[in-house]
Amino acid sequence: MSTLILARRTVLALMLSCFAAAAFSQAAFAQAQPKPAFEPEVGQAGKDVVWVPTAQALVDRMLDMAKLTAKDIHYDLGSGDGRTVITAARRGATAYGIEYNPDMVQLSRSNAAKEKLAGKVTFIHGDIFETDFSTATVITLFLLPDLNVKLRPKILDMKPGTRIASNSFTMGDWKSDETQTASKDCTSYCTAYLWIVPAKVAGNWTSGKDEIKFAQEYQMVHGSVGTSGKLAPVLNGRLRGDELSFTAGEGRYTGKVSGDRMEGTVTAGGKTSPWVAVRGK
């Protein structure tokens, strides 16, 4: 082999070695660089909805409507950047966020740490339709109506009195118990709806000699009270959690429902008396 050929091969080997070293150096440099901080963009696609942040004014309004206290267990379904969960934690509640986007989960945890609330909030990377939130006493959400309706059966099976606050979107034919608007420091998506999970009272009950038949459409109740041939229609029947009120005949009934029993008072002719009813078997 000639000296010229050996020289050329040596040069080629040196060049390849230099290229390899340069490539390795670039790769090592790239790995050493910190990953750019995740910054969410309004309108970015998610699993079920695009992300739009809830104005802080409406976050406050929703939690005010739900009467959130330090005794509550709060879940935000689709918790985004964590602001609603963090606000609930600031008020002393045990607060959880369920979010499908892992980057948003990490951002939420970072935001909580900045507020020195890292140990007081929990952000769950998961699907709201597959994650258990049955222990919640307050739920907040900012989802489209069809998603709210999809969640509705699970919500209606929760403990009576559980409060549900929604940013801007309704629950289909389940009418809200309250509607409010945040006009200050809010320019879009500024309406809050509140529902209170009603007790289940549909069916036959007995109260002394009276038979009571209740039909129920969410928190609205109608039916009849009395004995055969002397039935009075149930009017203005309404549930607010486990509290029931209605009018029948000359009586105004109020009571609290506990499973298969309800008790309270009935006022008629200026006289108020105790009242108890038991669900029929």
C-alpha atoms as a PDB file:
ATOM      1  CA  MET A   1       0.000   0.000   0.000  1.00  0.00           C
ATOM      2  CA  SER A   2       1.405   3.361  -0.972  1.00  0.00           C
ATOM      3  CA  THR A   3       2.290   6.086   1.479  1.00  0.00           C
ATOM      4  CA  LEU A   4      -0.215   8.395  -0.253  1.00  0.00           C
ATOM      5  CA  ILE A   5      -3.106   5.986   0.325  1.00  0.00           C
ATOM      6  CA  LEU A   6      -2.130   5.563   3.984  1.00  0.00           C
ATOM      7  CA  ALA A   7      -2.030   9.315   4.429  1.00  0.00           C
ATOM      8  CA  ARG A   8      -5.440   9.761   2.879  1.00  0.00           C
ATOM      9  CA  ARG A   9      -6.928   7.075   5.129  1.00  0.00           C
ATOM     10  CA  THR A  10      -5.354   8.655   8.176  1.00  0.00           C
ATOM     11  CA  VAL A  11      -6.802  12.042   7.273  1.00  0.00           C
ATOM     12  CA  LEU A  12     -10.239  10.492   6.653  1.00  0.00           C
ATOM     13  CA  ALA A  13     -10.118   8.698   9.986  1.00  0.00           C
ATOM     14  CA  LEU A  14      -9.208  11.916  11.762  1.00  0.00           C
ATOM     15  CA  MET A  15     -12.060  13.771  10.056  1.00  0.00           C
ATOM     16  CA  LEU A  16     -14.583  11.075  11.023  1.00  0.00           C
ATOM     17  CA  SER A  17     -13.275  11.131  14.560  1.00  0.00           C
ATOM     18  CA  CYS A  18     -13.682  14.916  14.696  1.00  0.00           C
ATOM     19  CA  PHE A  19     -17.219  14.731  13.315  1.00  0.00           C
ATOM     20  CA  ALA A  20     -18.138  12.048  15.860  1.00  0.00           C
ATOM     21  CA  ALA A  21     -16.635  14.071  18.690  1.00  0.00           C
ATOM     22  CA  ALA A  22     -18.502  17.174  17.556  1.00  0.00           C
ATOM     23  CA  ALA A  23     -21.785  15.256  17.315  1.00  0.00           C
ATOM     24  CA  PHE A  24     -21.260  13.765  20.775  1.00  0.00           C
ATOM     25  CA  SER A  25     -20.445  17.194  22.183  1.00  0.00           C
ATOM     26  CA  GLN A  26     -23.606  18.692  20.654  1.00  0.00           C
ATOM     27  CA  ALA A  27     -25.735  15.851  22.041  1.00  0.00           C
ATOM     28  CA  ALA A  28     -24.165  16.204  25.481  1.00  0.00           C
ATOM     29  CA  PHE A  29     -24.690  19.972  25.377  1.00  0.00           C
ATOM     30  CA  ALA A  30     -28.338  19.522  24.379  1.00  0.00           C
ATOM     31  CA  GLN A  31     -28.909  17.075  27.245  1.00  0.00           C
ATOM     32  CA  ALA A  32     -27.258  19.464  29.685  1.00  0.00           C
ATOM     33  CA  GLN A  33     -29.567  22.352  28.755  1.00  0.00           C
ATOM     34  CA  PRO A  34     -32.640  22.796  30.978  1.00  0.00           C
ATOM     35  CA  LYS A  35     -35.947  21.948  29.322  1.00  0.00           C
ATOM     36  CA  PRO A  36     -37.887  25.134  28.466  1.00  0.00           C
ATOM     37  CA  ALA A  37     -40.645  25.840  30.979  1.00  0.00           C
ATOM     38  CA  PHE A  38     -44.086  24.770  29.772  1.00  0.00           C
ATOM     39  CA  GLU A  39     -46.331  27.715  28.990  1.00  0.00           C
ATOM     40  CA  PRO A  40     -49.980  26.890  28.215  1.00  0.00           C
ATOM     41  CA  GLU A  41     -51.697  28.643  25.341  1.00  0.00           C
ATOM     42  CA  VAL A  42     -55.317  29.693  25.364  1.00  0.00           C
ATOM     43  CA  GLY A  43     -57.165  27.393  22.986  1.00  0.00           C
ATOM     44  CA  GLN A  44     -54.636  24.558  23.150  1.00  0.00           C
ATOM     45  CA  ALA A  45     -56.243  21.183  22.499  1.00  0.00           C
ATOM     46  CA  GLY A  46     -57.008  18.808  25.352  1.00  0.00           C
ATOM     47  CA  LYS A  47     -58.628  15.400  25.554  1.00  0.00           C
ATOM     48  CA  ASP A  48     -62.215  16.666  25.661  1.00  0.00           C
ATOM     49  CA  VAL A  49     -62.012  20.472  25.480  1.00  0.00           C
ATOM     50  CA  VAL A  50     -59.585  23.229  24.588  1.00  0.00           C
ATOM     51  CA  TRP A  51     -57.968  25.069  27.484  1.00  0.00           C
ATOM     52  CA  VAL A  52     -59.333  28.469  28.454  1.00  0.00           C
ATOM     53  CA  PRO A  53     -58.426  29.810  31.903  1.00  0.00           C
ATOM     54  CA  THR A  54     -61.202  30.790  34.281  1.00  0.00           C
ATOM     55  CA  ALA A  55     -60.970  34.424  35.347  1.00  0.00           C
ATOM     56  CA  GLN A  56     -59.976  34.688  39.002  1.00  0.00           C
ATOM     57  CA  ALA A  57     -63.079  36.789  39.656  1.00  0.00           C
ATOM     58  CA  LEU A  58     -65.269  33.900  38.511  1.00  0.00           C
ATOM     59  CA  VAL A  59     -63.213  31.355  40.466  1.00  0.00           C
ATOM     60  CA  ASP A  60     -63.969  33.392  43.573  1.00  0.00           C
ATOM     61  CA  ARG A  61     -67.631  33.727  42.647  1.00  0.00           C
ATOM     62  CA  MET A  62     -68.025  29.971  42.087  1.00  0.00           C
ATOM     63  CA  LEU A  63     -66.464  29.093  45.434  1.00  0.00           C
ATOM     64  CA  ASP A  64     -68.540  31.779  47.160  1.00  0.00           C
ATOM     65  CA  MET A  65     -71.731  30.349  45.649  1.00  0.00           C
ATOM     66  CA  ALA A  66     -70.726  26.871  46.807  1.00  0.00           C
ATOM     67  CA  LYS A  67     -70.069  28.296  50.296  1.00  0.00           C
ATOM     68  CA  LEU A  68     -66.734  26.504  50.390  1.00  0.00           C
ATOM     69  CA  THR A  69     -65.188  26.248  53.860  1.00  0.00           C
ATOM     70  CA  ALA A  70     -62.186  24.596  55.477  1.00  0.00           C
ATOM     71  CA  LYS A  71     -64.409  21.570  56.203  1.00  0.00           C
ATOM     72  CA  ASP A  72     -64.957  20.843  52.506  1.00  0.00           C
ATOM     73  CA  ILE A  73     -63.325  18.375  50.161  1.00  0.00           C
ATOM     74  CA  HIS A  74     -63.017  20.130  46.820  1.00  0.00           C
ATOM     75  CA  TYR A  75     -62.407  18.585  43.391  1.00  0.00           C
ATOM     76  CA  ASP A  76     -61.843  20.583  40.206  1.00  0.00           C
ATOM     77  CA  LEU A  77     -62.612  18.433  37.158  1.00  0.00           C
ATOM     78  CA  GLY A  78     -60.200  19.459  34.416  1.00  0.00           C
ATOM     79  CA  SER A  79     -58.012  21.580  36.668  1.00  0.00           C
ATOM     80  CA  GLY A  80     -55.828  23.233  33.998  1.00  0.00           C
ATOM     81  CA  ASP A  81     -53.178  25.480  35.549  1.00  0.00           C
ATOM     82  CA  GLY A  82     -54.501  24.760  39.042  1.00  0.00           C
ATOM     83  CA  ARG A  83     -55.846  28.195  39.923  1.00  0.00           C
ATOM     84  CA  THR A  84     -59.237  26.989  41.199  1.00  0.00           C
ATOM     85  CA  VAL A  85     -57.664  24.247  43.317  1.00  0.00           C
ATOM     86  CA  ILE A  86     -55.096  26.672  44.718  1.00  0.00           C
ATOM     87  CA  THR A  87     -57.833  29.199  45.567  1.00  0.00           C
ATOM     88  CA  ALA A  88     -59.846  26.497  47.358  1.00  0.00           C
ATOM     89  CA  ALA A  89     -56.736  25.495  49.337  1.00  0.00           C
ATOM     90  CA  ARG A  90     -56.125  29.112  50.317  1.00  0.00           C
ATOM     91  CA  ARG A  91     -59.601  29.022  51.873  1.00  0.00           C
ATOM     92  CA  GLY A  92     -58.581  25.985  53.907  1.00  0.00           C
ATOM     93  CA  ALA A  93     -60.375  23.257  51.950  1.00  0.00           C
ATOM     94  CA  THR A  94     -58.813  19.889  51.151  1.00  0.00           C
ATOM     95  CA  ALA A  95     -58.379  20.466  47.427  1.00  0.00           C
ATOM     96  CA  TYR A  96     -57.791  18.141  44.472  1.00  0.00           C
ATOM     97  CA  GLY A  97     -57.433  18.748  40.747  1.00  0.00           C
ATOM     98  CA  ILE A  98     -57.909  16.121  38.039  1.00  0.00           C
ATOM     99  CA  GLU A  99     -56.145  16.971  34.775  1.00  0.00           C
ATOM    100  CA  TYR A 100     -55.410  14.847  31.698  1.00  0.00           C
ATOM    101  CA  ASN A 101     -52.478  16.890  30.336  1.00  0.00           C
ATOM    102  CA  PRO A 102     -49.285  15.918  32.228  1.00  0.00           C
ATOM    103  CA  ASP A 103     -47.622  19.251  31.422  1.00  0.00           C
ATOM    104  CA  MET A 104     -50.535  21.101  33.002  1.00  0.00           C
ATOM    105  CA  VAL A 105     -50.298  18.849  36.056  1.00  0.00           C
ATOM    106  CA  GLN A 106     -46.634  19.744  36.484  1.00  0.00           C
ATOM    107  CA  LEU A 107     -47.408  23.427  35.952  1.00  0.00           C
ATOM    108  CA  SER A 108     -50.140  23.240  38.609  1.00  0.00           C
ATOM    109  CA  ARG A 109     -47.771  21.643  41.091  1.00  0.00           C
ATOM    110  CA  SER A 110     -45.205  24.341  40.369  1.00  0.00           C
ATOM    111  CA  ASN A 111     -47.824  27.075  40.842  1.00  0.00           C
ATOM    112  CA  ALA A 112     -48.891  25.520  44.145  1.00  0.00           C
ATOM    113  CA  ALA A 113     -45.268  25.383  45.306  1.00  0.00           C
ATOM    114  CA  LYS A 114     -44.860  29.098  44.538  1.00  0.00           C
ATOM    115  CA  GLU A 115     -47.888  29.739  46.768  1.00  0.00           C
ATOM    116  CA  LYS A 116     -46.344  27.510  49.486  1.00  0.00           C
ATOM    117  CA  LEU A 117     -49.348  25.175  49.156  1.00  0.00           C
ATOM    118  CA  ALA A 118     -47.559  22.131  47.767  1.00  0.00           C
ATOM    119  CA  GLY A 119     -48.480  19.994  50.772  1.00  0.00           C
ATOM    120  CA  LYS A 120     -52.082  21.205  50.878  1.00  0.00           C
ATOM    121  CA  VAL A 121     -53.213  20.387  47.334  1.00  0.00           C
ATOM    122  CA  THR A 122     -53.171  17.248  45.216  1.00  0.00           C
ATOM    123  CA  PHE A 123     -53.045  17.272  41.430  1.00  0.00           C
ATOM    124  CA  ILE A 124     -53.978  13.986  39.806  1.00  0.00           C
ATOM    125  CA  HIS A 125     -52.908  13.104  36.280  1.00  0.00           C
ATOM    126  CA  GLY A 126     -56.002  11.300  35.088  1.00  0.00           C
ATOM    127  CA  ASP A 127     -59.265  11.195  33.165  1.00  0.00           C
ATOM    128  CA  ILE A 128     -62.226  12.839  34.895  1.00  0.00           C
ATOM    129  CA  PHE A 129     -64.498  10.050  33.634  1.00  0.00           C
ATOM    130  CA  GLU A 130     -62.318   7.340  35.156  1.00  0.00           C
ATOM    131  CA  THR A 131     -61.074   8.988  38.365  1.00  0.00           C
ATOM    132  CA  ASP A 132     -63.019   8.633  41.613  1.00  0.00           C
ATOM    133  CA  PHE A 133     -64.202  11.945  43.090  1.00  0.00           C
ATOM    134  CA  SER A 134     -67.069  10.517  45.150  1.00  0.00           C
ATOM    135  CA  THR A 135     -65.768  11.981  48.426  1.00  0.00           C
ATOM    136  CA  ALA A 136     -66.117  15.560  47.175  1.00  0.00           C
ATOM    137  CA  THR A 137     -68.445  17.952  48.950  1.00  0.00           C
ATOM    138  CA  VAL A 138     -67.762  20.700  46.376  1.00  0.00           C
ATOM    139  CA  ILE A 139     -67.036  20.191  42.672  1.00  0.00           C
ATOM    140  CA  THR A 140     -66.029  22.861  40.177  1.00  0.00           C
ATOM    141  CA  LEU A 141     -65.814  22.448  36.423  1.00  0.00           C
ATOM    142  CA  PHE A 142     -65.476  24.317  33.136  1.00  0.00           C
ATOM    143  CA  LEU A 143     -66.643  21.760  30.602  1.00  0.00           C
ATOM    144  CA  LEU A 144     -68.981  21.753  27.629  1.00  0.00           C
ATOM    145  CA  PRO A 145     -72.661  20.919  28.299  1.00  0.00           C
ATOM    146  CA  ASP A 146     -72.473  17.426  26.759  1.00  0.00           C
ATOM    147  CA  LEU A 147     -69.584  16.565  29.092  1.00  0.00           C
ATOM    148  CA  ASN A 148     -71.517  17.918  32.079  1.00  0.00           C
ATOM    149  CA  VAL A 149     -74.474  15.743  31.085  1.00  0.00           C
ATOM    150  CA  LYS A 150     -72.170  12.739  30.748  1.00  0.00           C
ATOM    151  CA  LEU A 151     -70.964  13.338  34.317  1.00  0.00           C
ATOM    152  CA  ARG A 152     -74.467  14.017  35.608  1.00  0.00           C
ATOM    153  CA  PRO A 153     -75.494  10.454  36.611  1.00  0.00           C
ATOM    154  CA  LYS A 154     -72.371  10.054  38.743  1.00  0.00           C
ATOM    155  CA  ILE A 155     -72.945  13.474  40.313  1.00  0.00           C
ATOM    156  CA  LEU A 156     -76.599  12.751  41.122  1.00  0.00           C
ATOM    157  CA  ASP A 157     -75.515   9.614  42.998  1.00  0.00           C
ATOM    158  CA  MET A 158     -73.294  11.645  45.296  1.00  0.00           C
ATOM    159  CA  LYS A 159     -74.233  12.588  48.841  1.00  0.00           C
ATOM    160  CA  PRO A 160     -77.200  14.971  48.988  1.00  0.00           C
ATOM    161  CA  GLY A 161     -75.995  18.500  49.604  1.00  0.00           C
ATOM    162  CA  THR A 162     -72.875  18.182  47.447  1.00  0.00           C
ATOM    163  CA  ARG A 163     -72.438  21.514  45.620  1.00  0.00           C
ATOM    164  CA  ILE A 164     -71.536  21.700  41.935  1.00  0.00           C
ATOM    165  CA  ALA A 165     -70.322  25.005  40.468  1.00  0.00           C
ATOM    166  CA  SER A 166     -69.837  25.369  36.712  1.00  0.00           C
ATOM    167  CA  ASN A 167     -68.234  28.092  34.649  1.00  0.00           C
ATOM    168  CA  SER A 168     -70.648  29.131  31.872  1.00  0.00           C
ATOM    169  CA  PHE A 169     -72.095  25.728  30.903  1.00  0.00           C
ATOM    170  CA  THR A 170     -75.236  23.998  32.128  1.00  0.00           C
ATOM    171  CA  MET A 171     -76.310  20.440  32.982  1.00  0.00           C
ATOM    172  CA  GLY A 172     -78.895  19.904  30.268  1.00  0.00           C
ATOM    173  CA  ASP A 173     -82.443  19.780  31.668  1.00  0.00           C
ATOM    174  CA  TRP A 174     -81.216  19.828  35.275  1.00  0.00           C
ATOM    175  CA  LYS A 175     -81.941  23.459  36.094  1.00  0.00           C
ATOM    176  CA  SER A 176     -79.443  25.243  38.305  1.00  0.00           C
ATOM    177  CA  ASP A 177     -80.339  26.253  41.853  1.00  0.00           C
ATOM    178  CA  GLU A 178     -78.496  29.554  41.440  1.00  0.00           C
ATOM    179  CA  THR A 179     -76.993  31.617  38.622  1.00  0.00           C
ATOM    180  CA  GLN A 180     -74.655  34.568  39.120  1.00  0.00           C
ATOM    181  CA  THR A 181     -72.400  36.724  36.955  1.00  0.00           C
ATOM    182  CA  ALA A 182     -69.003  38.177  37.767  1.00  0.00           C
ATOM    183  CA  SER A 183     -69.019  41.587  36.109  1.00  0.00           C
ATOM    184  CA  LYS A 184     -65.828  42.947  37.658  1.00  0.00           C
ATOM    185  CA  ASP A 185     -62.404  41.762  36.431  1.00  0.00           C
ATOM    186  CA  CYS A 186     -63.985  39.271  34.052  1.00  0.00           C
ATOM    187  CA  THR A 187     -64.391  39.841  30.317  1.00  0.00           C
ATOM    188  CA  SER A 188     -65.461  36.438  28.969  1.00  0.00           C
ATOM    189  CA  TYR A 189     -67.012  33.274  30.400  1.00  0.00           C
ATOM    190  CA  CYS A 190     -68.298  35.193  33.410  1.00  0.00           C
ATOM    191  CA  THR A 191     -71.447  33.267  34.390  1.00  0.00           C
ATOM    192  CA  ALA A 192     -71.466  30.746  37.231  1.00  0.00           C
ATOM    193  CA  TYR A 193     -74.106  28.061  37.802  1.00  0.00           C
ATOM    194  CA  LEU A 194     -74.690  26.193  41.048  1.00  0.00           C
ATOM    195  CA  TRP A 195     -76.463  22.879  41.603  1.00  0.00           C
ATOM    196  CA  ILE A 196     -77.014  21.155  44.931  1.00  0.00           C
ATOM    197  CA  VAL A 197     -77.306  17.379  44.686  1.00  0.00           C
ATOM    198  CA  PRO A 198     -80.851  16.526  45.841  1.00  0.00           C
ATOM    199  CA  ALA A 199     -81.881  13.636  48.048  1.00  0.00           C
ATOM    200  CA  LYS A 200     -83.849  10.852  46.348  1.00  0.00           C
ATOM    201  CA  VAL A 201     -87.481  10.997  47.519  1.00  0.00           C
ATOM    202  CA  ALA A 202     -89.441   9.544  44.597  1.00  0.00           C
ATOM    203  CA  GLY A 203     -91.806   6.767  45.702  1.00  0.00           C
ATOM    204  CA  ASN A 204     -94.394   5.998  48.358  1.00  0.00           C
ATOM    205  CA  TRP A 205     -94.166   7.221  51.943  1.00  0.00           C
ATOM    206  CA  THR A 206     -96.431   7.035  54.976  1.00  0.00           C
ATOM    207  CA  SER A 207     -96.981   9.682  57.634  1.00  0.00           C
ATOM    208  CA  GLY A 208     -99.433   8.610  60.319  1.00  0.00           C
ATOM    209  CA  LYS A 209    -102.628   7.775  58.430  1.00  0.00           C
ATOM    210  CA  ASP A 210    -101.566   9.696  55.334  1.00  0.00           C
ATOM    211  CA  GLU A 211    -100.111   8.165  52.206  1.00  0.00           C
ATOM    212  CA  ILE A 212     -97.579  10.337  50.404  1.00  0.00           C
ATOM    213  CA  LYS A 213     -96.618   9.786  46.797  1.00  0.00           C
ATOM    214  CA  PHE A 214     -93.661  11.746  45.496  1.00  0.00           C
ATOM    215  CA  ALA A 215     -92.499  12.084  41.910  1.00  0.00           C
ATOM    216  CA  GLN A 216     -89.193  13.831  41.404  1.00  0.00           C
ATOM    217  CA  GLU A 217     -87.447  15.701  38.606  1.00  0.00           C
ATOM    218  CA  TYR A 218     -84.033  16.531  40.024  1.00  0.00           C
ATOM    219  CA  GLN A 219     -84.716  19.032  42.853  1.00  0.00           C
ATOM    220  CA  MET A 220     -88.373  19.584  41.901  1.00  0.00           C
ATOM    221  CA  VAL A 221     -90.999  17.427  43.633  1.00  0.00           C
ATOM    222  CA  HIS A 222     -94.701  16.845  43.058  1.00  0.00           C
ATOM    223  CA  GLY A 223     -97.242  14.183  43.993  1.00  0.00           C
ATOM    224  CA  SER A 224    -100.076  13.827  46.521  1.00  0.00           C
ATOM    225  CA  VAL A 225    -100.734  13.573  50.267  1.00  0.00           C
ATOM    226  CA  GLY A 226    -103.738  12.067  52.051  1.00  0.00           C
ATOM    227  CA  THR A 227    -105.915   8.977  52.162  1.00  0.00           C
ATOM    228  CA  SER A 228    -108.112   7.454  49.486  1.00  0.00           C
ATOM    229  CA  GLY A 229    -110.711   9.953  48.329  1.00  0.00           C
ATOM    230  CA  LYS A 230    -109.087  12.830  50.234  1.00  0.00           C
ATOM    231  CA  LEU A 231    -105.864  13.493  48.352  1.00  0.00           C
ATOM    232  CA  ALA A 232    -104.224  16.898  48.225  1.00  0.00           C
ATOM    233  CA  PRO A 233    -101.703  17.679  45.497  1.00  0.00           C
ATOM    234  CA  VAL A 234     -98.111  18.448  46.435  1.00  0.00           C
ATOM    235  CA  LEU A 235     -97.410  22.017  45.351  1.00  0.00           C
ATOM    236  CA  ASN A 236     -94.182  24.029  45.250  1.00  0.00           C
ATOM    237  CA  GLY A 237     -92.214  20.953  46.204  1.00  0.00           C
ATOM    238  CA  ARG A 238     -88.479  21.525  46.208  1.00  0.00           C
ATOM    239  CA  LEU A 239     -85.330  19.899  47.520  1.00  0.00           C
ATOM    240  CA  ARG A 240     -82.185  21.730  48.482  1.00  0.00           C
ATOM    241  CA  GLY A 241     -79.819  18.893  49.204  1.00  0.00           C
ATOM    242  CA  ASP A 242     -81.512  16.854  51.924  1.00  0.00           C
ATOM    243  CA  GLU A 243     -83.967  19.612  52.871  1.00  0.00           C
ATOM    244  CA  LEU A 244     -87.496  19.239  51.477  1.00  0.00           C
ATOM    245  CA  SER A 245     -90.328  21.753  51.488  1.00  0.00           C
ATOM    246  CA  PHE A 246     -93.797  21.601  49.936  1.00  0.00           C
ATOM    247  CA  THR A 247     -97.422  22.591  50.388  1.00  0.00           C
ATOM    248  CA  ALA A 248    -100.348  20.147  50.501  1.00  0.00           C
ATOM    249  CA  GLY A 249    -103.896  21.161  51.382  1.00  0.00           C
ATOM    250  CA  GLU A 250    -103.674  23.762  54.143  1.00  0.00           C
ATOM    251  CA  GLY A 251    -100.299  22.570  55.382  1.00  0.00           C
ATOM    252  CA  ARG A 252     -96.826  23.858  54.712  1.00  0.00           C
ATOM    253  CA  TYR A 253     -94.311  21.041  55.192  1.00  0.00           C
ATOM    254  CA  THR A 254     -90.590  21.352  55.800  1.00  0.00           C
ATOM    255  CA  GLY A 255     -88.302  18.496  56.662  1.00  0.00           C
ATOM    256  CA  LYS A 256     -84.943  16.820  56.362  1.00  0.00           C
ATOM    257  CA  VAL A 257     -84.463  13.586  54.420  1.00  0.00           C
ATOM    258  CA  SER A 258     -82.249  10.849  55.821  1.00  0.00           C
ATOM    259  CA  GLY A 259     -82.394   7.747  53.676  1.00  0.00           C
ATOM    260  CA  ASP A 260     -85.851   6.190  54.100  1.00  0.00           C
ATOM    261  CA  ARG A 261     -86.982   8.658  56.740  1.00  0.00           C
ATOM    262  CA  MET A 262     -87.811  12.342  56.749  1.00  0.00           C
ATOM    263  CA  GLU A 263     -88.878  14.508  59.626  1.00  0.00           C
ATOM    264  CA  GLY A 264     -89.637  18.134  60.235  1.00  0.00           C
ATOM    265  CA  THR A 265     -92.694  20.278  60.858  1.00  0.00           C
ATOM    266  CA  VAL A 266     -96.030  21.028  59.249  1.00  0.00           C
ATOM    267  CA  THR A 267     -97.720  24.388  59.716  1.00  0.00           C
ATOM    268  CA  ALA A 268    -101.495  24.652  59.221  1.00  0.00           C
ATOM    269  CA  GLY A 269    -104.117  26.983  60.654  1.00  0.00           C
ATOM    270  CA  GLY A 270    -101.465  28.936  62.523  1.00  0.00           C
ATOM    271  CA  LYS A 271    -100.267  25.838  64.364  1.00  0.00           C
ATOM    272  CA  THR A 272     -96.940  24.072  63.844  1.00  0.00           C
ATOM    273  CA  SER A 273     -96.581  20.388  64.636  1.00  0.00           C
ATOM    274  CA  PRO A 274     -93.882  17.711  64.261  1.00  0.00           C
ATOM    275  CA  TRP A 275     -94.078  15.635  61.119  1.00  0.00           C
ATOM    276  CA  VAL A 276     -92.430  12.295  60.265  1.00  0.00           C
ATOM    277  CA  ALA A 277     -92.670  10.178  57.118  1.00  0.00           C
ATOM    278  CA  VAL A 278     -91.178   6.758  56.329  1.00  0.00           C
ATOM    279  CA  ARG A 279     -90.558   5.347  52.884  1.00  0.00           C
ATOM    280  CA  GLY A 280     -92.666   2.347  51.996  1.00  0.00           C
ATOM    281  CA  LYS A 281     -91.038  -1.010  51.363  1.00  0.00           C
END
